[in-house]
C-alpha atoms as a PDB file:
ATOM      1  CA  MET A   1      61.986 181.617  -3.650  1.00  0.00           C
ATOM      2  CA  ALA A   2      61.608 184.845  -5.639  1.00  0.00           C
ATOM      3  CA  ILE A   3      62.782 183.079  -8.790  1.00  0.00           C
ATOM      4  CA  LEU A   4      60.579 180.156  -8.319  1.00  0.00           C
ATOM      5  CA  ASN A   5      57.673 182.388  -7.720  1.00  0.00           C
ATOM      6  CA  ALA A   6      58.419 184.389 -10.773  1.00  0.00           C
ATOM      7  CA  PHE A   7      58.267 181.415 -12.941  1.00  0.00           C
ATOM      8  CA  SER A   8      55.298 179.529 -11.316  1.00  0.00           C
ATOM      9  CA  ASP A   9      53.543 179.826 -14.795  1.00  0.00           C
ATOM     10  CA  TRP A  10      55.130 179.371 -18.138  1.00  0.00           C
ATOM     11  CA  ARG A  11      56.910 182.481 -19.269  1.00  0.00           C
ATOM     12  CA  PRO A  12      59.930 183.348 -21.449  1.00  0.00           C
ATOM     13  CA  LEU A  13      63.385 183.244 -19.709  1.00  0.00           C
ATOM     14  CA  SER A  14      64.034 186.801 -20.821  1.00  0.00           C
ATOM     15  CA  SER A  15      60.870 188.165 -19.459  1.00  0.00           C
ATOM     16  CA  GLY A  16      61.162 186.635 -16.031  1.00  0.00           C
ATOM     17  CA  ALA A  17      64.819 187.273 -15.670  1.00  0.00           C
ATOM     18  CA  GLY A  18      64.464 190.834 -16.770  1.00  0.00           C
ATOM     19  CA  GLU A  19      61.704 191.377 -14.283  1.00  0.00           C
ATOM     20  CA  LEU A  20      63.649 189.884 -11.352  1.00  0.00           C
ATOM     21  CA  SER A  21      66.958 191.917 -12.285  1.00  0.00           C
ATOM     22  CA  ARG A  22      65.336 195.061 -11.182  1.00  0.00           C
ATOM     23  CA  ASP A  23      65.136 193.842  -7.516  1.00  0.00           C
ATOM     24  CA  LEU A  24      67.693 191.075  -7.473  1.00  0.00           C
ATOM     25  CA  GLY A  25      70.740 192.305  -9.417  1.00  0.00           C
ATOM     26  CA  SER A  26      71.958 192.425 -12.906  1.00  0.00           C
ATOM     27  CA  TYR A  27      70.331 190.426 -15.738  1.00  0.00           C
ATOM     28  CA  PRO A  28      73.210 188.078 -16.389  1.00  0.00           C
ATOM     29  CA  SER A  29      73.572 187.171 -12.636  1.00  0.00           C
ATOM     30  CA  VAL A  30      69.719 186.455 -12.392  1.00  0.00           C
ATOM     31  CA  ALA A  31      69.736 184.523 -15.738  1.00  0.00           C
ATOM     32  CA  GLY A  32      72.534 182.439 -14.279  1.00  0.00           C
ATOM     33  CA  GLU A  33      70.630 181.621 -11.223  1.00  0.00           C
ATOM     34  CA  VAL A  34      67.671 180.384 -13.501  1.00  0.00           C
ATOM     35  CA  ILE A  35      69.971 178.251 -15.380  1.00  0.00           C
ATOM     36  CA  ARG A  36      71.278 176.660 -12.262  1.00  0.00           C
ATOM     37  CA  LEU A  37      67.678 175.955 -11.122  1.00  0.00           C
ATOM     38  CA  LEU A  38      67.040 174.363 -14.545  1.00  0.00           C
ATOM     39  CA  ASP A  39      70.044 172.134 -14.064  1.00  0.00           C
ATOM     40  CA  TYR A  40      68.920 170.992 -10.740  1.00  0.00           C
ATOM     41  CA  GLY A  41      65.320 170.360 -11.870  1.00  0.00           C
ATOM     42  CA  PHE A  42      63.658 173.018  -9.994  1.00  0.00           C
ATOM     43  CA  LEU A  43      62.399 174.598 -13.138  1.00  0.00           C
ATOM     44  CA  ILE A  44      61.444 172.943 -16.280  1.00  0.00           C
ATOM     45  CA  VAL A  45      61.227 174.064 -20.047  1.00  0.00           C
ATOM     46  CA  ALA A  46      57.873 173.858 -22.036  1.00  0.00           C
ATOM     47  CA  GLY A  47      57.743 171.577 -24.886  1.00  0.00           C
ATOM     48  CA  THR A  48      60.008 168.997 -23.118  1.00  0.00           C
ATOM     49  CA  ALA A  49      58.886 165.689 -21.713  1.00  0.00           C
ATOM     50  CA  LEU A  50      58.959 167.104 -18.215  1.00  0.00           C
ATOM     51  CA  GLY A  51      57.174 170.252 -19.449  1.00  0.00           C
ATOM     52  CA  ASP A  52      54.357 168.219 -21.042  1.00  0.00           C
ATOM     53  CA  ARG A  53      54.142 165.888 -17.956  1.00  0.00           C
ATOM     54  CA  ASN A  54      53.640 169.046 -15.894  1.00  0.00           C
ATOM     55  CA  ASP A  55      50.851 170.232 -18.228  1.00  0.00           C
ATOM     56  CA  LYS A  56      49.325 166.957 -17.940  1.00  0.00           C
ATOM     57  CA  TYR A  57      49.527 166.939 -14.152  1.00  0.00           C
ATOM     58  CA  ASP A  58      47.728 170.441 -14.091  1.00  0.00           C
ATOM     59  CA  ARG A  59      44.913 169.256 -16.315  1.00  0.00           C
ATOM     60  CA  GLU A  60      44.294 165.818 -14.671  1.00  0.00           C
ATOM     61  CA  TRP A  61      45.615 165.326 -11.238  1.00  0.00           C
ATOM     62  CA  PRO A  62      42.464 165.249  -9.108  1.00  0.00           C
ATOM     63  CA  TRP A  63      43.666 165.143  -5.565  1.00  0.00           C
ATOM     64  CA  GLY A  64      45.433 168.536  -5.098  1.00  0.00           C
ATOM     65  CA  ALA A  65      49.100 169.548  -4.356  1.00  0.00           C
ATOM     66  CA  THR A  66      49.649 167.852  -1.033  1.00  0.00           C
ATOM     67  CA  ALA A  67      48.698 164.455  -2.298  1.00  0.00           C
ATOM     68  CA  GLY A  68      50.684 164.934  -5.634  1.00  0.00           C
ATOM     69  CA  LEU A  69      53.669 166.166  -3.755  1.00  0.00           C
ATOM     70  CA  TYR A  70      53.795 162.987  -1.794  1.00  0.00           C
ATOM     71  CA  HIS A  71      53.051 160.608  -4.691  1.00  0.00           C
ATOM     72  CA  PHE A  72      55.464 162.166  -7.182  1.00  0.00           C
ATOM     73  CA  SER A  73      58.228 162.940  -4.709  1.00  0.00           C
ATOM     74  CA  ILE A  74      58.683 159.267  -3.727  1.00  0.00           C
ATOM     75  CA  LYS A  75      58.669 157.879  -7.278  1.00  0.00           C
ATOM     76  CA  TYR A  76      61.737 157.057  -9.095  1.00  0.00           C
ATOM     77  CA  THR A  77      63.668 156.229  -5.754  1.00  0.00           C
ATOM     78  CA  GLN A  78      67.119 154.893  -5.810  1.00  0.00           C
ATOM     79  CA  TYR A  79      67.285 151.955  -3.567  1.00  0.00           C
ATOM     80  CA  LEU A  80      70.426 150.736  -1.575  1.00  0.00           C
ATOM     81  CA  ASP A  81      71.842 147.287  -2.677  1.00  0.00           C
ATOM     82  CA  ALA A  82      71.470 144.383  -0.177  1.00  0.00           C
ATOM     83  CA  GLY A  83      74.968 144.739   1.409  1.00  0.00           C
ATOM     84  CA  SER A  84      74.513 148.548   1.983  1.00  0.00           C
ATOM     85  CA  SER A  85      70.924 148.032   3.202  1.00  0.00           C
ATOM     86  CA  ILE A  86      72.004 145.472   5.815  1.00  0.00           C
ATOM     87  CA  ALA A  87      74.996 147.783   6.856  1.00  0.00           C
ATOM     88  CA  ALA A  88      72.681 150.829   7.184  1.00  0.00           C
ATOM     89  CA  MET A  89      70.291 148.766   9.445  1.00  0.00           C
ATOM     90  CA  THR A  90      73.174 147.459  11.524  1.00  0.00           C
ATOM     91  CA  GLU A  91      74.363 150.850  12.265  1.00  0.00           C
ATOM     92  CA  ARG A  92      70.778 152.017  13.071  1.00  0.00           C
ATOM     93  CA  VAL A  93      70.441 149.006  15.637  1.00  0.00           C
ATOM     94  CA  LEU A  94      73.585 150.216  17.258  1.00  0.00           C
ATOM     95  CA  ASN A  95      72.791 153.885  17.444  1.00  0.00           C
ATOM     96  CA  VAL A  96      68.928 154.223  17.679  1.00  0.00           C
ATOM     97  CA  PRO A  97      67.083 152.133  20.457  1.00  0.00           C
ATOM     98  CA  PRO A  98      64.324 149.891  18.755  1.00  0.00           C
ATOM     99  CA  VAL A  99      60.712 150.714  19.437  1.00  0.00           C
ATOM    100  CA  SER A 100      58.239 148.099  20.542  1.00  0.00           C
ATOM    101  CA  LEU A 101      56.299 146.175  17.872  1.00  0.00           C
ATOM    102  CA  PHE A 102      53.362 144.996  19.819  1.00  0.00           C
ATOM    103  CA  THR A 103      51.486 145.968  22.971  1.00  0.00           C
ATOM    104  CA  THR A 104      50.417 143.861  26.193  1.00  0.00           C
ATOM    105  CA  LYS A 105      47.648 144.377  28.754  1.00  0.00           C
ATOM    106  CA  ASP A 106      49.816 143.669  31.808  1.00  0.00           C
ATOM    107  CA  ASP A 107      48.711 146.986  33.511  1.00  0.00           C
ATOM    108  CA  ALA A 108      44.947 146.836  32.543  1.00  0.00           C
ATOM    109  CA  ALA A 109      42.627 146.478  35.388  1.00  0.00           C
ATOM    110  CA  ARG A 110      40.482 143.756  33.624  1.00  0.00           C
ATOM    111  CA  VAL A 111      41.519 141.544  30.759  1.00  0.00           C
ATOM    112  CA  VAL A 112      39.008 139.132  29.086  1.00  0.00           C
ATOM    113  CA  SER A 113      40.830 136.300  27.500  1.00  0.00           C
ATOM    114  CA  LEU A 114      39.433 135.032  24.124  1.00  0.00           C
ATOM    115  CA  PRO A 115      39.261 131.319  22.824  1.00  0.00           C
ATOM    116  CA  PRO A 116      42.326 130.296  20.950  1.00  0.00           C
ATOM    117  CA  PRO A 117      42.209 131.052  17.248  1.00  0.00           C
ATOM    118  CA  ARG A 118      41.358 128.077  15.063  1.00  0.00           C
ATOM    119  CA  ASP A 119      43.867 126.260  13.162  1.00  0.00           C
ATOM    120  CA  ASP A 120      41.648 124.895  10.403  1.00  0.00           C
ATOM    121  CA  GLY A 121      40.650 125.992   7.095  1.00  0.00           C
ATOM    122  CA  CYS A 122      41.672 129.758   6.095  1.00  0.00           C
ATOM    123  CA  PHE A 123      42.722 130.371   9.634  1.00  0.00           C
ATOM    124  CA  GLY A 124      45.442 127.631   9.472  1.00  0.00           C
ATOM    125  CA  VAL A 125      46.529 129.223   6.183  1.00  0.00           C
ATOM    126  CA  MET A 126      46.750 132.880   7.618  1.00  0.00           C
ATOM    127  CA  LYS A 127      48.932 131.429  10.559  1.00  0.00           C
ATOM    128  CA  ARG A 128      51.240 129.612   8.137  1.00  0.00           C
ATOM    129  CA  ARG A 129      51.637 132.745   5.926  1.00  0.00           C
ATOM    130  CA  ARG A 130      55.302 134.219   6.065  1.00  0.00           C
ATOM    131  CA  SER A 131      56.979 136.485   3.799  1.00  0.00           C
ATOM    132  CA  TYR A 132      59.910 134.586   2.315  1.00  0.00           C
ATOM    133  CA  ARG A 133      62.448 135.763  -0.252  1.00  0.00           C
ATOM    134  CA  GLY A 134      64.300 132.443  -0.724  1.00  0.00           C
ATOM    135  CA  PHE A 135      63.042 131.311  -4.067  1.00  0.00           C
ATOM    136  CA  ASP A 136      64.398 128.276  -5.593  1.00  0.00           C
ATOM    137  CA  GLY A 137      64.508 128.957  -9.503  1.00  0.00           C
ATOM    138  CA  SER A 138      65.756 125.404 -10.175  1.00  0.00           C
ATOM    139  CA  ALA A 139      63.247 123.396  -8.235  1.00  0.00           C
ATOM    140  CA  GLY A 140      60.653 123.290 -11.014  1.00  0.00           C
ATOM    141  CA  ALA A 141      58.030 125.686 -12.287  1.00  0.00           C
ATOM    142  CA  ILE A 142      54.921 126.691 -10.637  1.00  0.00           C
ATOM    143  CA  THR A 143      51.711 125.608 -12.455  1.00  0.00           C
ATOM    144  CA  LYS A 144      49.117 127.971 -14.184  1.00  0.00           C
ATOM    145  CA  GLU A 145      46.668 126.979 -11.758  1.00  0.00           C
ATOM    146  CA  GLN A 146      48.782 128.212  -8.792  1.00  0.00           C
ATOM    147  CA  LEU A 147      49.380 131.585 -10.678  1.00  0.00           C
ATOM    148  CA  ARG A 148      45.731 131.629 -11.431  1.00  0.00           C
ATOM    149  CA  ASP A 149      44.765 131.306  -7.711  1.00  0.00           C
ATOM    150  CA  CYS A 150      47.015 134.100  -6.675  1.00  0.00           C
ATOM    151  CA  LEU A 151      45.566 136.374  -9.385  1.00  0.00           C
ATOM    152  CA  PHE A 152      42.000 135.506  -9.022  1.00  0.00           C
ATOM    153  CA  SER A 153      42.092 135.678  -5.143  1.00  0.00           C
ATOM    154  CA  GLY A 154      43.404 139.129  -5.162  1.00  0.00           C
ATOM    155  CA  ILE A 155      41.872 140.973  -8.058  1.00  0.00           C
ATOM    156  CA  GLY A 156      39.204 138.610  -9.525  1.00  0.00           C
ATOM    157  CA  ILE A 157      35.775 139.949 -10.440  1.00  0.00           C
ATOM    158  CA  VAL A 158      33.004 137.632  -9.476  1.00  0.00           C
ATOM    159  CA  GLY A 159      30.000 139.721 -10.557  1.00  0.00           C
ATOM    160  CA  LEU A 160      28.645 142.975 -11.828  1.00  0.00           C
ATOM    161  CA  ALA A 161      26.151 144.926  -9.728  1.00  0.00           C
ATOM    162  CA  ARG A 162      23.824 147.266 -11.969  1.00  0.00           C
ATOM    163  CA  THR A 163      23.332 150.599 -10.193  1.00  0.00           C
ATOM    164  CA  ASP A 164      22.604 154.310 -11.165  1.00  0.00           C
ATOM    165  CA  LEU A 165      26.440 154.552 -11.506  1.00  0.00           C
ATOM    166  CA  GLY A 166      26.542 151.861 -14.038  1.00  0.00           C
ATOM    167  CA  GLU A 167      27.751 148.287 -13.696  1.00  0.00           C
ATOM    168  CA  LEU A 168      30.145 148.024 -10.684  1.00  0.00           C
ATOM    169  CA  PRO A 169      32.550 145.080 -10.315  1.00  0.00           C
ATOM    170  CA  LEU A 170      32.120 142.872  -7.444  1.00  0.00           C
ATOM    171  CA  LYS A 171      35.653 141.632  -6.549  1.00  0.00           C
ATOM    172  CA  THR A 172      37.159 139.064  -4.154  1.00  0.00           C
ATOM    173  CA  THR A 173      38.766 141.989  -2.253  1.00  0.00           C
ATOM    174  CA  PRO A 174      37.141 145.283  -0.913  1.00  0.00           C
ATOM    175  CA  SER A 175      37.469 148.174  -3.314  1.00  0.00           C
ATOM    176  CA  GLY A 176      36.398 151.702  -2.151  1.00  0.00           C
ATOM    177  CA  GLY A 177      33.158 152.541  -3.942  1.00  0.00           C
ATOM    178  CA  ALA A 178      33.635 149.547  -6.176  1.00  0.00           C
ATOM    179  CA  ARG A 179      35.889 151.593  -8.239  1.00  0.00           C
ATOM    180  CA  ASN A 180      38.249 148.913  -9.012  1.00  0.00           C
ATOM    181  CA  PRO A 181      41.414 150.958  -9.582  1.00  0.00           C
ATOM    182  CA  TYR A 182      44.044 148.331  -9.948  1.00  0.00           C
ATOM    183  CA  GLU A 183      45.171 146.154 -13.020  1.00  0.00           C
ATOM    184  CA  ALA A 184      47.587 143.079 -12.641  1.00  0.00           C
ATOM    185  CA  TYR A 185      50.522 142.535 -14.811  1.00  0.00           C
ATOM    186  CA  VAL A 186      52.402 139.300 -14.584  1.00  0.00           C
ATOM    187  CA  LEU A 187      56.140 138.766 -15.564  1.00  0.00           C
ATOM    188  CA  ALA A 188      56.334 135.040 -16.011  1.00  0.00           C
ATOM    189  CA  TYR A 189      59.740 133.598 -15.530  1.00  0.00           C
ATOM    190  CA  ASN A 190      58.964 129.949 -14.810  1.00  0.00           C
ATOM    191  CA  VAL A 191      55.355 128.858 -15.143  1.00  0.00           C
ATOM    192  CA  GLN A 192      54.301 125.427 -16.558  1.00  0.00           C
ATOM    193  CA  ASP A 193      52.816 125.761 -20.201  1.00  0.00           C
ATOM    194  CA  LEU A 194      53.184 129.521 -20.019  1.00  0.00           C
ATOM    195  CA  PRO A 195      55.941 130.897 -22.235  1.00  0.00           C
ATOM    196  CA  ASN A 196      58.120 133.358 -20.469  1.00  0.00           C
ATOM    197  CA  GLY A 197      57.055 136.810 -21.000  1.00  0.00           C
ATOM    198  CA  LEU A 198      54.743 139.831 -19.950  1.00  0.00           C
ATOM    199  CA  TYR A 199      51.129 139.411 -19.531  1.00  0.00           C
ATOM    200  CA  HIS A 200      47.906 141.327 -18.551  1.00  0.00           C
ATOM    201  CA  TYR A 201      45.612 139.613 -16.351  1.00  0.00           C
ATOM    202  CA  SER A 202      41.707 140.245 -17.107  1.00  0.00           C
ATOM    203  CA  ALA A 203      40.074 140.193 -13.705  1.00  0.00           C
ATOM    204  CA  LEU A 204      36.663 139.924 -15.547  1.00  0.00           C
ATOM    205  CA  GLU A 205      37.622 137.171 -17.935  1.00  0.00           C
ATOM    206  CA  ASN A 206      40.185 135.256 -15.816  1.00  0.00           C
ATOM    207  CA  SER A 207      42.694 135.242 -18.633  1.00  0.00           C
ATOM    208  CA  LEU A 208      46.228 136.282 -19.471  1.00  0.00           C
ATOM    209  CA  ALA A 209      46.956 138.383 -22.652  1.00  0.00           C
ATOM    210  CA  TYR A 210      50.450 138.249 -23.869  1.00  0.00           C
ATOM    211  CA  MET A 211      52.061 141.657 -24.192  1.00  0.00           C
ATOM    212  CA  PRO A 212      55.028 142.130 -26.445  1.00  0.00           C
ATOM    213  CA  CYS A 213      58.262 143.193 -24.748  1.00  0.00           C
ATOM    214  CA  ASP A 214      61.612 143.686 -26.487  1.00  0.00           C
ATOM    215  CA  THR A 215      63.483 142.230 -23.327  1.00  0.00           C
ATOM    216  CA  LEU A 216      61.694 140.974 -20.452  1.00  0.00           C
ATOM    217  CA  PRO A 217      63.521 142.482 -17.492  1.00  0.00           C
ATOM    218  CA  SER A 218      64.635 140.563 -14.380  1.00  0.00           C
ATOM    219  CA  ALA A 219      62.698 140.553 -11.192  1.00  0.00           C
ATOM    220  CA  GLU A 220      65.854 142.087  -9.557  1.00  0.00           C
ATOM    221  CA  THR A 221      65.612 144.951 -12.121  1.00  0.00           C
ATOM    222  CA  VAL A 222      61.947 145.758 -11.682  1.00  0.00           C
ATOM    223  CA  LEU A 223      62.192 145.396  -7.972  1.00  0.00           C
ATOM    224  CA  GLY A 224      64.760 148.145  -7.257  1.00  0.00           C
ATOM    225  CA  GLY A 225      67.755 145.890  -7.416  1.00  0.00           C
ATOM    226  CA  GLN A 226      66.590 143.384  -4.719  1.00  0.00           C
ATOM    227  CA  ASP A 227      68.603 140.369  -5.846  1.00  0.00           C
ATOM    228  CA  TRP A 228      66.993 138.058  -3.669  1.00  0.00           C
ATOM    229  CA  PHE A 229      63.944 137.890  -6.062  1.00  0.00           C
ATOM    230  CA  SER A 230      66.022 136.554  -8.826  1.00  0.00           C
ATOM    231  CA  GLY A 231      64.680 132.945  -8.303  1.00  0.00           C
ATOM    232  CA  ALA A 232      60.946 134.122  -8.277  1.00  0.00           C
ATOM    233  CA  SER A 233      58.689 132.043 -10.717  1.00  0.00           C
ATOM    234  CA  ALA A 234      56.474 135.047 -11.439  1.00  0.00           C
ATOM    235  CA  LEU A 235      56.042 138.659 -10.416  1.00  0.00           C
ATOM    236  CA  ILE A 236      52.827 140.366 -10.108  1.00  0.00           C
ATOM    237  CA  LEU A 237      52.620 144.085 -10.541  1.00  0.00           C
ATOM    238  CA  LEU A 238      49.762 146.054  -9.182  1.00  0.00           C
ATOM    239  CA  VAL A 239      49.182 149.146 -11.214  1.00  0.00           C
ATOM    240  CA  ALA A 240      46.661 151.775 -10.263  1.00  0.00           C
ATOM    241  CA  ASN A 241      44.489 153.839 -12.580  1.00  0.00           C
ATOM    242  CA  PHE A 242      43.667 156.715 -10.514  1.00  0.00           C
ATOM    243  CA  ALA A 243      41.015 158.137 -12.769  1.00  0.00           C
ATOM    244  CA  ARG A 244      38.628 155.248 -11.681  1.00  0.00           C
ATOM    245  CA  THR A 245      38.589 156.164  -8.138  1.00  0.00           C
ATOM    246  CA  ALA A 246      38.846 159.998  -8.739  1.00  0.00           C
ATOM    247  CA  TRP A 247      35.754 159.976 -10.725  1.00  0.00           C
ATOM    248  CA  LYS A 248      33.729 159.434  -7.529  1.00  0.00           C
ATOM    249  CA  TYR A 249      36.190 160.548  -4.773  1.00  0.00           C
ATOM    250  CA  ARG A 250      37.516 164.064  -5.513  1.00  0.00           C
ATOM    251  CA  HIS A 251      38.662 164.607  -1.979  1.00  0.00           C
ATOM    252  CA  PRO A 252      42.512 163.746  -1.571  1.00  0.00           C
ATOM    253  CA  THR A 253      41.417 160.996   0.789  1.00  0.00           C
ATOM    254  CA  GLY A 254      40.584 159.114  -2.444  1.00  0.00           C
ATOM    255  CA  PHE A 255      44.299 158.843  -3.101  1.00  0.00           C
ATOM    256  CA  ARG A 256      44.676 157.014   0.215  1.00  0.00           C
ATOM    257  CA  VAL A 257      41.675 154.757  -0.606  1.00  0.00           C
ATOM    258  CA  VAL A 258      43.703 153.738  -3.776  1.00  0.00           C
ATOM    259  CA  LEU A 259      46.778 152.961  -1.738  1.00  0.00           C
ATOM    260  CA  ILE A 260      44.934 150.997   0.921  1.00  0.00           C
ATOM    261  CA  GLU A 261      43.277 148.660  -1.607  1.00  0.00           C
ATOM    262  CA  ALA A 262      46.683 147.366  -2.785  1.00  0.00           C
ATOM    263  CA  GLY A 263      47.222 145.846   0.883  1.00  0.00           C
ATOM    264  CA  HIS A 264      43.771 144.096   0.442  1.00  0.00           C
ATOM    265  CA  ILE A 265      44.664 142.587  -2.993  1.00  0.00           C
ATOM    266  CA  ALA A 266      48.269 141.641  -2.001  1.00  0.00           C
ATOM    267  CA  GLN A 267      47.104 139.817   1.362  1.00  0.00           C
ATOM    268  CA  ASN A 268      44.729 137.488  -0.641  1.00  0.00           C
ATOM    269  CA  MET A 269      47.320 136.729  -3.212  1.00  0.00           C
ATOM    270  CA  LEU A 270      49.844 135.799  -0.293  1.00  0.00           C
ATOM    271  CA  LEU A 271      47.282 133.546   1.371  1.00  0.00           C
ATOM    272  CA  ALA A 272      46.634 131.959  -1.907  1.00  0.00           C
ATOM    273  CA  ALA A 273      50.333 131.302  -2.483  1.00  0.00           C
ATOM    274  CA  THR A 274      50.648 129.723   0.977  1.00  0.00           C
ATOM    275  CA  ALA A 275      47.504 127.446   0.380  1.00  0.00           C
ATOM    276  CA  SER A 276      49.092 126.354  -2.985  1.00  0.00           C
ATOM    277  CA  GLY A 277      52.443 125.370  -1.092  1.00  0.00           C
ATOM    278  CA  LEU A 278      54.400 128.234  -2.587  1.00  0.00           C
ATOM    279  CA  VAL A 279      56.212 131.152  -1.051  1.00  0.00           C
ATOM    280  CA  ALA A 280      55.617 134.795  -1.623  1.00  0.00           C
ATOM    281  CA  THR A 281      56.596 138.105  -0.616  1.00  0.00           C
ATOM    282  CA  PRO A 282      55.238 141.679  -1.365  1.00  0.00           C
ATOM    283  CA  THR A 283      57.315 144.729  -1.943  1.00  0.00           C
ATOM    284  CA  CYS A 284      56.720 148.451  -2.783  1.00  0.00           C
ATOM    285  CA  ALA A 285      60.485 148.997  -3.837  1.00  0.00           C
ATOM    286  CA  LEU A 286      59.634 149.478  -7.313  1.00  0.00           C
ATOM    287  CA  ASN A 287      61.755 150.752 -10.478  1.00  0.00           C
ATOM    288  CA  ASP A 288      59.155 153.112 -11.546  1.00  0.00           C
ATOM    289  CA  SER A 289      60.843 154.218 -14.861  1.00  0.00           C
ATOM    290  CA  VAL A 290      61.335 150.577 -15.946  1.00  0.00           C
ATOM    291  CA  ILE A 291      57.750 149.634 -15.311  1.00  0.00           C
ATOM    292  CA  GLU A 292      56.322 152.655 -16.842  1.00  0.00           C
ATOM    293  CA  THR A 293      58.501 152.023 -19.937  1.00  0.00           C
ATOM    294  CA  MET A 294      57.789 148.298 -20.089  1.00  0.00           C
ATOM    295  CA  LEU A 295      53.952 148.788 -19.929  1.00  0.00           C
ATOM    296  CA  ASP A 296      53.894 152.029 -21.729  1.00  0.00           C
ATOM    297  CA  ILE A 297      51.631 153.651 -19.197  1.00  0.00           C
ATOM    298  CA  ASP A 298      50.580 157.373 -18.513  1.00  0.00           C
ATOM    299  CA  PRO A 299      53.096 158.401 -15.598  1.00  0.00           C
ATOM    300  CA  VAL A 300      50.559 160.901 -14.191  1.00  0.00           C
ATOM    301  CA  MET A 301      47.331 159.023 -13.740  1.00  0.00           C
ATOM    302  CA  ARG A 302      48.675 155.529 -13.570  1.00  0.00           C
ATOM    303  CA  SER A 303      51.235 154.209 -11.370  1.00  0.00           C
ATOM    304  CA  PRO A 304      52.768 151.117 -10.117  1.00  0.00           C
ATOM    305  CA  ILE A 305      52.134 150.715  -6.362  1.00  0.00           C
ATOM    306  CA  TYR A 306      52.762 147.135  -5.286  1.00  0.00           C
ATOM    307  CA  ALA A 307      54.266 143.776  -6.360  1.00  0.00           C
ATOM    308  CA  VAL A 308      54.114 140.277  -5.178  1.00  0.00           C
ATOM    309  CA  ALA A 309      56.597 137.740  -6.057  1.00  0.00           C
ATOM    310  CA  VAL A 310      55.834 133.979  -6.073  1.00  0.00           C
ATOM    311  CA  GLY A 311      57.675 130.939  -6.304  1.00  0.00           C
ATOM    312  CA  THR A 312      59.073 127.545  -4.983  1.00  0.00           C
ATOM    313  CA  ARG A 313      60.686 127.637  -1.447  1.00  0.00           C
ATOM    314  CA  SER A 314      64.477 127.244  -1.269  1.00  0.00           C
ATOM    315  CA  GLU A 315      65.768 125.773   1.953  1.00  0.00           C
ATOM    316  CA  THR A 316      68.435 128.447   1.830  1.00  0.00           C
ATOM    317  CA  ALA A 317      67.198 131.720   3.165  1.00  0.00           C
ATOM    318  CA  THR A 318      68.315 135.092   1.803  1.00  0.00           C
ATOM    319  CA  ILE A 319      70.128 137.961   3.603  1.00  0.00           C
ATOM    320  CA  ALA A 320      66.860 139.681   3.814  1.00  0.00           C
ATOM    321  CA  ASP A 321      65.079 136.658   5.488  1.00  0.00           C
ATOM    322  CA  LEU A 322      66.438 137.705   8.997  1.00  0.00           C
ATOM    323  CA  VAL A 323      64.696 134.836  10.861  1.00  0.00           C
ATOM    324  CA  ASP A 324      64.237 131.162  10.634  1.00  0.00           C
ATOM    325  CA  TRP A 325      60.502 131.519  10.790  1.00  0.00           C
ATOM    326  CA  SER A 326      60.014 127.735  11.085  1.00  0.00           C
ATOM    327  CA  ALA A 327      61.698 127.827  14.561  1.00  0.00           C
ATOM    328  CA  VAL A 328      59.375 130.697  15.704  1.00  0.00           C
ATOM    329  CA  GLU A 329      56.292 129.662  17.710  1.00  0.00           C
ATOM    330  CA  HIS A 330      53.828 131.549  19.737  1.00  0.00           C
ATOM    331  CA  GLN A 331      51.007 130.041  21.544  1.00  0.00           C
ATOM    332  CA  GLN A 332      47.786 131.891  21.960  1.00  0.00           C
END
């Protein structure tokens, strides 16, 4: 810790090691420890890519060290492959008692029953929605209209409100302070009348702009090696622009506001896919480095947060679809 504290600000190696050697031992031994910390990534070098990113973080990250530690420490995660993941979960089931996933009111002194939920309109769509990863890539392309419905329902801008803070976007989903921190990017793999490729969705104009991409990565590559997404017709990436929310909300809870909004957006997209007869699944297991390179985005103030894969249903479930949902029924 003494070495890390000594290099909490930029300083020459010789200066820091020389000062520390007076208390911790000879200069060569201290310098060797500093080199080891550099090798392990605990210290970084000025003028390198990591050094420049650190300077940018110091200048621009608005929500303090605690939120920053959480956000940046979980990026660039290396995920298990499907087989290893299932094996790890099997071992956990055998060794760790499961926790209850819902509560009942059996011990309540008084219970008021509510009328059964409706089955018509949006309520029927909500009840039918299931996460399903069994995409059939050979069953035919989804339509541009189906893709549009997913995008517009989640992130579409339906109007602008004129306020003292400027024109604020009114969206199909709630946005803290109307700051609209998300942009949507589409990896189109099998969409009618839409060439395969990478696109940016304009939530205001309801349009797709083609983005040049040397090689369109597979959904499996983008989504942390999850090979069950390989048959998806399209992948929607939700990328946060933290500066939009931080301009108004300087307290670290502003970071939480941004994360929560991704759930609002994705839920609408999933419901739109269900209403269109598609299957869809969200995931936050993202390959951050691949996405950042593909989109050429600022890795400090912009970040991929969530993704929604949509496509045509295959009758064959994947290893990740543990339950035949069509056989599950619960009457309210």
